[in-house]
Amino acid sequence: MTADLVLRGRIITMDDARPTAGALAVRGDRVLALGDDLAELAGLCGPGTRVVDVDGCVLPGFVEAHGHFLGDATVQSPALVDIRPVVLDTADEVLAAIREAVATRPVTVCNGWEPLLQKGLPEPTLSWLDELAPTTPLIIMHNSGHAVFFNSVAMRQAGLTPTTPDPPGGRFSRDAASELAGAAYEPAAISMVTRHLSEGVTDVAPALLAESARVNARGVTMMSEMAFDPQARPLLENVPLTTRLRLYEVSTSALRSDAAPGMGDDMIRQIGIKTWADGSPWTGNLAASFPYLSTGERHAPNYSDEELLEISRAYYAEGWQLACHANGDDAVQQVLDVWEEMLGGRRDDRRLRIEHASSMRPEQFRRAHALGVTCSLFPDHIYYWGEVLDELFGPDVAGRWAPIGTALSTGMRVSLHNDSPVTPANPLHNIAVAATRTSRRGRAYGTAERIGVLQALRAQTIDAAWQLHADDVTGSLTPGKYADIAVVSADPTRIPPEEIENLTVDATFLAGRQVHGDPLE
């Protein structure tokens, strides 16, 4: 048996049985063998074997364990106006983009409103939205994904009335007469405003292929969709994606899915159910033990304990992996209480997930790990919102936000994520932030929570794949697994952590086929 491709150079496998190698052989779509050097693999090299010397470093393809592949594809398509703070810095730029879109489009949908970063944006009241777009629908989605603002035309088009009731787990803003006031919070209410936008959409292939290309350029070979709508399933059919997907369906009042756990194949598989225990710190509905400093307010979780227990039990009984969004420590406490009751206090092996865990306390991590619960954390909160956290909650909370070091100290396996499109999927940047905990203004927050680069690499490869129940097929360069590979310009473990985000991804392979970069020679 001969190899089709041999990569020779610095190789980090993320396989504890053989952490590093000097040569890697690929046959077909799989890793065939590893060796200390080319001589060790000489018996696998034939006339048709292509041998490539790599100047940088060979890594497993990166895994984005908490992303929104379909959502990112949608908001970066020409159908939407991208006003995210990673694209537009100032309020003036945002307002100009919205006004131009309203003047030229029959329907305007914008994504990325973030007044905490784009200072000077007005309050998006219904009257302001109606004045801006009096005759056409206007929808502006908050960058966090936890709020949406809409004008009266959009409200009518969505079939909402001034007295539409709040759905379980979500709410609408209301005026003094208790009528809808142009804002919806949390996915249950947001979907009532936006779901009609996808009606009749059949050709999304270009947007999906563009998304695959974007994440492949960052070395990503697997990504999750953490808010999957089953109606989107036909849109994924027959599109030659170059990114593996793991789908988490949004829980509904039906308390069931038409799919079966694990449905799909190694490219696209539906594995979990997603629920939101609280909101976003940036939209004012974090459920935490500490208040917002400007108002002194604290907020309750989205569900009562009884409601969340009913949801969790129903889907868990059907065999689903559960993933629950919980930024605030009060929301985390609710999830742990509910899941411990659901599990009868026993340790679980289904890899139940708490998403973000932004202000989770040390004893909560210990309790979660004892129950078999794992966490996915969001270091880019520190990079983009570090100073905002200080403003909203004070330096103590900012310093222990996204406490990855504490999570790892319990023995828990964690993943790092970007929650794209909230911030762009960029594992090398994530790894740098997790290791330095430095904001884009150069300020360090919570240095005790810094982690080592190799730990961060695990959280973007094998441990992230483990969370997605895919570590048997990807996440490490192990013989028999898919040859999902990222070739970067230098070894991240051998340079200062602050320089890692400047590395380039020179090539990405999915199942042995190069899907990004100039052909390696």
Protein backbone atom coordinates (compact mmCIF):
# COMPACT_ATOMS: atom_id res chain seq x y z
CA MET A 1 0.00 0.00 0.00
CA THR A 2 1.48 3.33 -1.05
CA ALA A 3 0.66 6.87 0.02
CA ASP A 4 -0.81 9.49 -2.29
CA LEU A 5 0.78 12.34 -0.33
CA VAL A 6 3.52 12.67 2.25
CA LEU A 7 3.99 15.91 4.18
CA ARG A 8 7.45 16.32 5.69
CA GLY A 9 8.23 18.88 8.39
CA ARG A 10 7.09 19.92 11.86
CA ILE A 11 3.86 18.01 12.64
CA ILE A 12 1.77 18.39 15.80
CA THR A 13 -0.76 15.56 15.85
CA MET A 14 -2.87 16.31 18.97
CA ASP A 15 -2.76 12.54 19.52
CA ASP A 16 -1.41 11.73 22.98
CA ALA A 17 -0.06 8.41 21.69
CA ARG A 18 2.26 10.28 19.32
CA PRO A 19 2.22 14.05 19.91
CA THR A 20 4.68 15.04 17.16
CA ALA A 21 6.10 13.65 13.95
CA GLY A 22 8.40 14.58 11.10
CA ALA A 23 6.41 13.02 8.26
CA LEU A 24 2.76 12.21 7.62
CA ALA A 25 1.41 9.92 4.91
CA VAL A 26 -2.06 10.27 3.40
CA ARG A 27 -3.84 7.69 1.28
CA GLY A 28 -7.20 8.58 -0.19
CA ASP A 29 -9.16 10.47 2.44
CA ARG A 30 -7.33 9.11 5.51
CA VAL A 31 -4.14 9.51 7.47
CA LEU A 32 -2.14 6.41 6.57
CA ALA A 33 0.90 6.63 8.83
CA LEU A 34 3.26 8.90 10.78
CA GLY A 35 7.02 8.77 11.04
CA ASP A 36 9.88 10.61 12.66
CA ASP A 37 11.23 11.35 9.19
CA LEU A 38 10.70 10.46 5.55
CA ALA A 39 13.01 7.46 5.80
CA GLU A 40 10.61 5.83 8.26
CA LEU A 41 7.82 6.06 5.67
CA ALA A 42 10.00 5.07 2.68
CA GLY A 43 8.13 1.80 2.28
CA LEU A 44 4.89 3.74 1.69
CA CYS A 45 6.34 5.93 -1.07
CA GLY A 46 5.80 4.78 -4.63
CA PRO A 47 6.11 6.31 -8.09
CA GLY A 48 2.80 8.15 -7.64
CA THR A 49 3.48 9.48 -4.16
CA ARG A 50 3.76 13.24 -3.92
CA VAL A 51 6.26 14.31 -1.24
CA VAL A 52 5.98 17.90 0.00
CA ASP A 53 8.35 19.70 2.35
CA VAL A 54 6.39 22.00 4.66
CA ASP A 55 8.18 25.13 5.88
CA GLY A 56 5.66 25.88 8.61
CA CYS A 57 3.72 23.48 10.80
CA VAL A 58 1.17 20.77 10.08
CA LEU A 59 -1.81 20.62 12.47
CA PRO A 60 -5.16 18.88 12.54
CA GLY A 61 -7.88 20.94 10.86
CA PHE A 62 -9.40 23.35 13.36
CA VAL A 63 -12.84 22.71 14.83
CA GLU A 64 -15.31 25.52 15.59
CA ALA A 65 -17.44 23.77 18.22
CA HIS A 66 -19.88 26.64 18.70
CA GLY A 67 -20.59 28.45 15.48
CA HIS A 68 -23.51 29.26 13.25
CA PHE A 69 -22.47 28.04 9.83
CA LEU A 70 -25.82 28.71 8.19
CA GLY A 71 -26.29 31.96 10.07
CA ASP A 72 -22.82 33.20 9.13
CA ALA A 73 -23.41 32.23 5.51
CA THR A 74 -26.67 34.19 5.53
CA VAL A 75 -25.50 37.39 7.19
CA GLN A 76 -22.43 37.62 4.98
CA SER A 77 -24.44 37.07 1.79
CA PRO A 78 -25.49 40.01 -0.41
CA ALA A 79 -29.05 39.60 0.87
CA LEU A 80 -28.12 41.22 4.20
CA VAL A 81 -26.30 44.42 5.11
CA ASP A 82 -23.25 43.64 7.25
CA ILE A 83 -22.90 46.33 9.93
CA ARG A 84 -20.98 44.28 12.52
CA PRO A 85 -18.33 46.07 14.60
CA VAL A 86 -15.69 43.82 13.04
CA VAL A 87 -16.64 45.47 9.71
CA LEU A 88 -17.76 49.01 10.60
CA ASP A 89 -16.07 50.85 13.46
CA THR A 90 -18.25 53.93 13.91
CA ALA A 91 -21.90 54.83 14.37
CA ASP A 92 -21.72 57.16 11.36
CA GLU A 93 -20.63 54.28 9.13
CA VAL A 94 -23.42 52.08 10.45
CA LEU A 95 -26.14 54.69 9.93
CA ALA A 96 -24.88 55.52 6.45
CA ALA A 97 -24.99 51.83 5.47
CA ILE A 98 -28.54 51.45 6.77
CA ARG A 99 -29.80 54.58 5.02
CA GLU A 100 -28.24 53.54 1.73
CA ALA A 101 -29.82 50.09 1.99
CA VAL A 102 -33.27 51.48 2.78
CA ALA A 103 -33.01 53.78 -0.24
CA THR A 104 -32.08 50.98 -2.64
CA ARG A 105 -33.73 47.78 -1.38
CA PRO A 106 -37.38 46.65 -1.20
CA VAL A 107 -36.58 44.89 2.11
CA THR A 108 -33.68 45.86 4.36
CA VAL A 109 -32.20 43.37 6.81
CA CYS A 110 -29.06 44.45 8.65
CA ASN A 111 -26.93 42.41 11.01
CA GLY A 112 -24.41 43.53 13.61
CA TRP A 113 -25.88 46.49 15.57
CA GLU A 114 -23.63 46.94 18.64
CA PRO A 115 -23.90 50.32 20.44
CA LEU A 116 -21.43 49.26 23.13
CA LEU A 117 -18.68 49.15 20.51
CA GLN A 118 -20.09 51.49 17.86
CA LYS A 119 -20.47 54.43 20.21
CA GLY A 120 -23.14 57.02 19.38
CA LEU A 121 -25.80 54.82 17.82
CA PRO A 122 -29.33 56.07 18.62
CA GLU A 123 -31.88 54.08 20.58
CA PRO A 124 -33.61 51.94 17.90
CA THR A 125 -37.16 52.84 18.91
CA LEU A 126 -40.14 51.97 16.77
CA SER A 127 -40.68 55.63 15.89
CA TRP A 128 -37.05 56.02 14.81
CA LEU A 129 -37.24 52.83 12.69
CA ASP A 130 -40.51 53.98 11.11
CA GLU A 131 -39.04 57.38 10.32
CA LEU A 132 -36.00 55.74 8.76
CA ALA A 133 -38.09 53.34 6.63
CA PRO A 134 -41.73 54.47 6.47
CA THR A 135 -42.82 52.30 3.52
CA THR A 136 -40.53 49.26 3.36
CA PRO A 137 -39.65 46.56 5.89
CA LEU A 138 -36.59 47.25 8.02
CA ILE A 139 -35.07 44.68 10.37
CA ILE A 140 -31.85 45.32 12.31
CA MET A 141 -30.31 42.37 14.16
CA HIS A 142 -28.12 42.94 17.19
CA ASN A 143 -24.58 41.63 16.82
CA SER A 144 -25.09 39.18 19.70
CA GLY A 145 -28.03 37.49 17.99
CA HIS A 146 -30.13 38.05 21.11
CA ALA A 147 -32.20 41.01 19.93
CA VAL A 148 -33.78 42.28 16.74
CA PHE A 149 -35.33 45.67 16.00
CA PHE A 150 -38.09 46.09 13.41
CA ASN A 151 -40.32 48.79 11.96
CA SER A 152 -44.11 48.70 11.61
CA VAL A 153 -44.01 47.47 8.01
CA ALA A 154 -41.79 44.54 9.02
CA MET A 155 -44.08 43.79 11.95
CA ARG A 156 -47.11 43.54 9.66
CA GLN A 157 -45.21 41.49 7.11
CA ALA A 158 -44.24 39.01 9.84
CA GLY A 159 -47.91 38.62 10.80
CA LEU A 160 -47.44 40.22 14.21
CA THR A 161 -50.08 42.43 15.76
CA PRO A 162 -49.68 45.09 18.45
CA THR A 163 -50.96 42.57 21.01
CA THR A 164 -49.01 39.44 19.95
CA PRO A 165 -48.13 37.62 23.19
CA ASP A 166 -44.59 36.78 24.24
CA PRO A 167 -43.53 33.21 23.37
CA PRO A 168 -42.01 30.95 26.06
CA GLY A 169 -38.33 31.81 26.45
CA GLY A 170 -38.57 35.13 24.58
CA ARG A 171 -40.18 38.55 24.83
CA PHE A 172 -41.14 41.67 22.87
CA SER A 173 -40.56 45.23 24.02
CA ARG A 174 -43.82 47.07 24.71
CA ASP A 175 -44.96 50.67 25.04
CA ALA A 176 -47.07 52.24 27.78
CA ALA A 177 -50.18 50.67 26.25
CA SER A 178 -48.51 47.22 26.30
CA GLU A 179 -48.34 47.11 22.49
CA LEU A 180 -45.30 45.89 20.53
CA ALA A 181 -42.61 48.56 20.46
CA GLY A 182 -40.26 47.32 17.75
CA ALA A 183 -37.84 44.97 19.51
CA ALA A 184 -37.74 41.22 20.14
CA TYR A 185 -35.42 39.43 22.54
CA GLU A 186 -34.16 35.86 22.52
CA PRO A 187 -34.53 33.32 19.69
CA ALA A 188 -38.13 32.33 20.44
CA ALA A 189 -39.33 35.91 19.81
CA ILE A 190 -36.71 36.84 17.22
CA SER A 191 -37.73 33.94 14.97
CA MET A 192 -41.29 35.28 14.89
CA VAL A 193 -39.90 38.44 13.25
CA THR A 194 -37.38 36.84 10.89
CA ARG A 195 -38.61 33.36 9.97
CA HIS A 196 -40.63 34.53 6.98
CA LEU A 197 -37.48 35.93 5.37
CA SER A 198 -36.37 32.45 4.28
CA GLU A 199 -39.71 31.52 2.72
CA GLY A 200 -39.23 30.65 -0.92
CA VAL A 201 -35.43 30.77 -0.67
CA THR A 202 -34.08 27.79 -2.60
CA ASP A 203 -30.70 28.79 -4.01
CA VAL A 204 -28.42 29.33 -1.06
CA ALA A 205 -25.61 27.22 -2.48
CA PRO A 206 -23.38 30.23 -3.32
CA ALA A 207 -23.64 31.57 0.23
CA LEU A 208 -22.89 28.15 1.75
CA LEU A 209 -19.92 27.59 -0.54
CA ALA A 210 -18.61 31.06 0.27
CA GLU A 211 -18.89 30.31 3.99
CA SER A 212 -17.00 27.05 3.54
CA ALA A 213 -14.25 28.90 1.70
CA ARG A 214 -14.05 31.58 4.44
CA VAL A 215 -13.63 29.13 7.28
CA ASN A 216 -11.30 26.85 5.26
CA ALA A 217 -9.06 29.90 4.79
CA ARG A 218 -8.77 29.99 8.60
CA GLY A 219 -7.89 26.30 8.75
CA VAL A 220 -11.35 25.20 9.90
CA THR A 221 -12.49 21.78 8.66
CA MET A 222 -15.43 21.22 11.03
CA MET A 223 -18.00 23.66 12.37
CA SER A 224 -21.27 23.45 14.24
CA GLU A 225 -24.58 25.10 13.55
CA MET A 226 -25.91 25.90 17.01
CA ALA A 227 -29.34 27.21 15.99
CA PHE A 228 -30.39 24.73 13.33
CA ASP A 229 -33.86 25.07 11.86
CA PRO A 230 -35.04 21.76 10.35
CA GLN A 231 -36.61 23.71 7.50
CA ALA A 232 -33.06 24.44 6.35
CA ARG A 233 -32.19 20.77 5.91
CA PRO A 234 -33.11 20.69 2.19
CA LEU A 235 -30.85 23.70 1.64
CA LEU A 236 -27.83 21.59 2.64
CA GLU A 237 -28.59 18.80 0.20
CA ASN A 238 -26.41 18.47 -2.88
CA VAL A 239 -24.12 21.37 -1.94
CA PRO A 240 -20.47 20.23 -2.17
CA LEU A 241 -19.38 21.73 1.15
CA THR A 242 -15.73 21.62 2.19
CA THR A 243 -16.53 21.90 5.89
CA ARG A 244 -17.94 19.15 8.09
CA LEU A 245 -21.07 20.24 9.95
CA ARG A 246 -22.58 19.18 13.25
CA LEU A 247 -26.13 20.41 13.75
CA TYR A 248 -27.92 21.40 16.97
CA GLU A 249 -31.65 21.90 16.49
CA VAL A 250 -33.41 24.65 18.42
CA SER A 251 -35.76 23.35 21.10
CA THR A 252 -39.42 24.11 20.51
CA SER A 253 -42.69 23.89 22.42
CA ALA A 254 -43.33 20.61 20.62
CA LEU A 255 -40.52 19.12 22.77
CA ARG A 256 -39.51 16.76 19.98
CA SER A 257 -37.59 16.61 16.72
CA ASP A 258 -38.55 14.90 13.49
CA ALA A 259 -34.92 13.83 13.16
CA ALA A 260 -33.18 11.02 15.03
CA PRO A 261 -30.02 11.63 17.09
CA GLY A 262 -26.96 11.08 14.93
CA MET A 263 -28.84 11.31 11.66
CA GLY A 264 -26.50 11.98 8.76
CA ASP A 265 -22.95 11.05 7.90
CA ASP A 266 -19.39 12.13 8.67
CA MET A 267 -19.86 15.30 6.60
CA ILE A 268 -23.19 16.52 7.98
CA ARG A 269 -24.68 15.02 11.12
CA GLN A 270 -27.43 16.19 13.47
CA ILE A 271 -26.37 15.51 17.04
CA GLY A 272 -27.94 17.89 19.54
CA ILE A 273 -30.61 20.22 20.85
CA LYS A 274 -29.91 23.86 21.76
CA THR A 275 -31.64 25.92 24.43
CA TRP A 276 -30.94 29.41 25.82
CA ALA A 277 -31.04 29.79 29.63
CA ASP A 278 -30.30 33.53 29.52
CA GLY A 279 -29.46 36.26 27.07
CA SER A 280 -26.44 38.35 26.20
CA PRO A 281 -24.48 40.68 28.49
CA TRP A 282 -24.57 43.19 25.63
CA THR A 283 -28.39 43.33 25.40
CA GLY A 284 -28.98 43.72 29.13
CA ASN A 285 -30.44 40.30 29.92
CA LEU A 286 -27.56 38.41 31.49
CA ALA A 287 -28.79 36.22 34.37
CA ALA A 288 -26.04 36.68 36.95
CA SER A 289 -25.46 37.05 40.68
CA PHE A 290 -23.96 40.51 40.06
CA PRO A 291 -25.83 43.56 38.74
CA TYR A 292 -25.37 45.88 35.81
CA LEU A 293 -23.51 48.77 37.45
CA SER A 294 -25.34 51.52 35.58
CA THR A 295 -28.81 50.37 36.66
CA GLY A 296 -28.27 48.04 39.60
CA GLU A 297 -30.50 45.55 37.77
CA ARG A 298 -30.24 41.78 37.75
CA HIS A 299 -32.20 39.58 35.38
CA ALA A 300 -33.85 36.21 35.74
CA PRO A 301 -33.19 33.29 33.37
CA ASN A 302 -35.35 32.91 30.27
CA TYR A 303 -37.20 29.89 31.69
CA SER A 304 -38.44 28.79 35.07
CA ASP A 305 -36.72 25.73 36.50
CA GLU A 306 -39.81 23.69 35.71
CA GLU A 307 -39.90 24.84 32.09
CA LEU A 308 -36.21 24.11 31.49
CA LEU A 309 -36.53 20.72 33.20
CA GLU A 310 -39.46 19.78 30.97
CA ILE A 311 -37.52 20.75 27.84
CA SER A 312 -34.36 18.96 28.94
CA ARG A 313 -36.09 15.75 30.00
CA ALA A 314 -38.10 15.49 26.80
CA TYR A 315 -35.13 15.74 24.45
CA TYR A 316 -32.71 13.82 26.67
CA ALA A 317 -35.15 10.91 26.76
CA GLU A 318 -35.02 10.81 22.97
CA GLY A 319 -31.24 10.37 23.06
CA TRP A 320 -30.11 13.90 22.20
CA GLN A 321 -26.98 15.66 23.38
CA LEU A 322 -28.11 18.87 25.09
CA ALA A 323 -26.37 22.22 24.67
CA CYS A 324 -27.56 25.15 26.76
CA HIS A 325 -26.47 28.77 26.38
CA ALA A 326 -25.66 30.24 29.80
CA ASN A 327 -23.54 33.40 30.08
CA GLY A 328 -24.40 34.40 33.65
CA ASP A 329 -23.58 32.37 36.74
CA ASP A 330 -27.26 32.38 37.80
CA ALA A 331 -28.16 30.84 34.43
CA VAL A 332 -25.36 28.30 34.88
CA GLN A 333 -26.70 27.46 38.34
CA GLN A 334 -30.15 26.84 36.91
CA VAL A 335 -28.79 24.57 34.18
CA LEU A 336 -26.73 22.54 36.65
CA ASP A 337 -29.66 22.21 39.07
CA VAL A 338 -32.01 21.12 36.30
CA TRP A 339 -29.59 18.70 34.70
CA GLU A 340 -28.56 17.16 38.00
CA GLU A 341 -32.23 16.51 38.75
CA MET A 342 -32.74 15.11 35.24
CA LEU A 343 -29.74 12.80 35.66
CA GLY A 344 -30.66 11.72 39.15
CA GLY A 345 -27.27 12.93 40.37
CA ARG A 346 -25.33 10.41 38.28
CA ARG A 347 -22.44 11.22 35.94
CA ASP A 348 -23.47 11.38 32.29
CA ASP A 349 -21.43 10.34 29.24
CA ARG A 350 -23.46 12.17 26.58
CA ARG A 351 -21.19 15.26 26.77
CA LEU A 352 -23.91 17.68 27.82
CA ARG A 353 -22.69 21.18 27.03
CA ILE A 354 -22.89 24.62 28.65
CA GLU A 355 -22.28 27.27 26.02
CA HIS A 356 -20.12 30.36 26.76
CA ALA A 357 -20.08 29.82 30.57
CA SER A 358 -18.84 33.41 30.66
CA SER A 359 -19.11 34.11 34.38
CA MET A 360 -19.24 30.52 35.62
CA ARG A 361 -17.77 30.15 39.10
CA PRO A 362 -15.02 27.68 40.13
CA GLU A 363 -17.35 25.52 42.22
CA GLN A 364 -19.78 25.40 39.30
CA PHE A 365 -17.06 24.08 36.99
CA ARG A 366 -16.20 21.41 39.57
CA ARG A 367 -19.85 20.44 39.89
CA ALA A 368 -20.30 20.38 36.11
CA HIS A 369 -17.26 18.18 35.60
CA ALA A 370 -18.49 15.78 38.28
CA LEU A 371 -21.74 15.42 36.30
CA GLY A 372 -19.87 14.89 33.02
CA VAL A 373 -20.89 18.31 31.69
CA THR A 374 -18.45 20.09 29.36
CA CYS A 375 -18.16 23.77 28.44
CA SER A 376 -17.42 25.79 25.32
CA LEU A 377 -15.91 29.22 25.99
CA PHE A 378 -15.63 32.46 24.02
CA PRO A 379 -12.23 34.19 24.51
CA ASP A 380 -13.00 36.87 21.91
CA HIS A 381 -15.31 38.48 24.49
CA ILE A 382 -12.09 39.59 26.15
CA TYR A 383 -10.54 40.87 22.93
CA TYR A 384 -13.49 42.91 21.65
CA TRP A 385 -15.46 43.68 24.83
CA GLY A 386 -12.85 43.68 27.61
CA GLU A 387 -13.25 47.39 28.37
CA VAL A 388 -17.04 47.10 27.99
CA LEU A 389 -17.11 44.34 30.63
CA ASP A 390 -15.22 46.66 32.95
CA GLU A 391 -17.83 49.39 32.33
CA LEU A 392 -20.84 47.10 32.71
CA PHE A 393 -19.79 44.95 35.66
CA GLY A 394 -16.49 46.16 37.10
CA PRO A 395 -12.89 44.89 36.98
CA ASP A 396 -13.47 41.80 39.12
CA VAL A 397 -16.07 40.37 36.74
CA ALA A 398 -14.04 41.42 33.68
CA GLY A 399 -10.99 39.63 35.10
CA ARG A 400 -12.78 36.32 35.57
CA TRP A 401 -14.85 36.47 32.38
CA ALA A 402 -14.42 33.45 30.05
CA PRO A 403 -12.51 31.59 32.80
CA ILE A 404 -10.82 28.96 30.63
CA GLY A 405 -7.99 28.36 33.07
CA THR A 406 -10.44 27.59 35.88
CA ALA A 407 -12.36 25.20 33.65
CA LEU A 408 -9.22 23.28 32.71
CA SER A 409 -8.06 23.12 36.33
CA THR A 410 -11.00 20.82 37.09
CA GLY A 411 -9.90 18.30 34.45
CA MET A 412 -12.75 19.30 32.14
CA ARG A 413 -12.25 19.08 28.37
CA VAL A 414 -13.32 22.38 26.84
CA SER A 415 -13.54 24.00 23.43
CA LEU A 416 -12.91 27.57 22.33
CA HIS A 417 -15.24 29.27 19.89
CA ASN A 418 -16.02 32.50 18.04
CA ASP A 419 -19.81 32.12 17.90
CA SER A 420 -19.61 33.35 14.32
CA PRO A 421 -21.00 35.59 12.99
CA VAL A 422 -20.69 37.39 16.37
CA THR A 423 -16.93 37.39 15.75
CA PRO A 424 -15.29 35.80 12.71
CA ALA A 425 -14.28 32.15 12.96
CA ASN A 426 -10.52 32.47 13.47
CA PRO A 427 -8.94 29.75 15.64
CA LEU A 428 -5.41 31.17 15.55
CA HIS A 429 -6.72 34.48 16.89
CA ASN A 430 -8.73 32.61 19.54
CA ILE A 431 -5.65 30.69 20.63
CA ALA A 432 -3.67 33.93 20.97
CA VAL A 433 -6.40 35.58 23.05
CA ALA A 434 -6.80 32.53 25.31
CA ALA A 435 -3.05 32.57 25.95
CA THR A 436 -2.70 36.35 26.48
CA ARG A 437 -6.19 37.53 27.56
CA THR A 438 -5.43 40.88 25.97
CA SER A 439 -8.04 43.20 24.49
CA ARG A 440 -7.62 44.91 21.15
CA ARG A 441 -6.74 48.07 23.08
CA GLY A 442 -3.82 46.20 24.63
CA ARG A 443 -5.19 45.72 28.14
CA ALA A 444 -4.86 42.34 29.89
CA TYR A 445 -7.87 40.96 31.78
CA GLY A 446 -7.59 38.12 34.28
CA THR A 447 -4.07 36.89 33.64
CA ALA A 448 -4.67 34.01 36.06
CA GLU A 449 -7.07 32.58 33.48
CA ARG A 450 -4.45 32.42 30.73
CA ILE A 451 -3.83 28.97 29.31
CA GLY A 452 -0.90 27.42 27.46
CA VAL A 453 -0.79 27.43 23.68
CA LEU A 454 -0.85 23.64 23.50
CA GLN A 455 -3.94 23.59 25.74
CA ALA A 456 -5.58 26.14 23.46
CA LEU A 457 -4.70 24.05 20.41
CA ARG A 458 -6.40 21.06 22.00
CA ALA A 459 -9.49 23.17 22.62
CA GLN A 460 -9.62 24.05 18.90
CA THR A 461 -8.93 20.52 17.62
CA ILE A 462 -9.30 17.19 19.42
CA ASP A 463 -11.27 18.41 22.44
CA ALA A 464 -13.62 20.45 20.25
CA ALA A 465 -14.13 17.39 18.03
CA TRP A 466 -14.82 15.36 21.19
CA GLN A 467 -17.55 17.80 22.20
CA LEU A 468 -19.10 17.32 18.75
CA HIS A 469 -18.96 13.52 19.07
CA ALA A 470 -16.55 13.46 16.13
CA ASP A 471 -13.22 12.66 17.79
CA ASP A 472 -13.39 9.15 16.33
CA VAL A 473 -13.04 10.55 12.80
CA THR A 474 -11.23 13.90 13.10
CA GLY A 475 -9.56 16.33 15.51
CA SER A 476 -6.14 14.66 15.53
CA LEU A 477 -3.68 13.38 12.94
CA THR A 478 -4.09 9.72 13.79
CA PRO A 479 -3.81 6.83 11.32
CA GLY A 480 -7.30 5.82 10.24
CA LYS A 481 -8.87 9.23 10.84
CA TYR A 482 -9.76 11.60 8.02
CA ALA A 483 -6.85 13.63 6.66
CA ASP A 484 -8.34 16.94 7.84
CA ILE A 485 -5.26 19.15 7.99
CA ALA A 486 -4.25 22.78 8.47
CA VAL A 487 -0.78 23.90 7.36
CA VAL A 488 0.21 27.13 9.12
CA SER A 489 3.20 29.37 8.54
CA ALA A 490 4.97 28.54 11.82
CA ASP A 491 4.63 26.32 14.87
CA PRO A 492 2.31 28.16 17.31
CA THR A 493 4.03 26.51 20.28
CA ARG A 494 7.42 27.96 19.34
CA ILE A 495 6.61 31.66 19.01
CA PRO A 496 5.38 34.25 21.53
CA PRO A 497 1.60 33.84 22.05
CA GLU A 498 0.87 37.42 20.99
CA GLU A 499 2.32 36.61 17.54
CA ILE A 500 0.08 33.60 16.86
CA GLU A 501 -2.78 35.63 15.41
CA ASN A 502 -0.40 36.87 12.70
CA LEU A 503 0.28 33.36 11.40
CA THR A 504 -1.21 32.47 8.04
CA VAL A 505 -3.00 29.30 7.03
CA ASP A 506 -1.09 28.27 3.93
CA ALA A 507 -3.18 25.20 3.11
CA THR A 508 -6.23 23.35 4.37
CA PHE A 509 -7.13 19.76 3.52
CA LEU A 510 -10.46 18.04 4.00
CA ALA A 511 -10.36 14.26 3.75
CA GLY A 512 -7.03 14.42 1.94
CA ARG A 513 -8.13 16.99 -0.65
CA GLN A 514 -6.70 20.49 -0.57
CA VAL A 515 -9.56 22.98 -0.19
CA HIS A 516 -7.61 26.16 0.54
CA GLY A 517 -4.32 27.70 -0.49
CA ASP A 518 -1.96 27.43 -3.42
CA PRO A 519 -1.15 23.82 -4.33
CA LEU A 520 1.62 22.55 -2.10
CA GLU A 521 4.76 21.62 -3.97
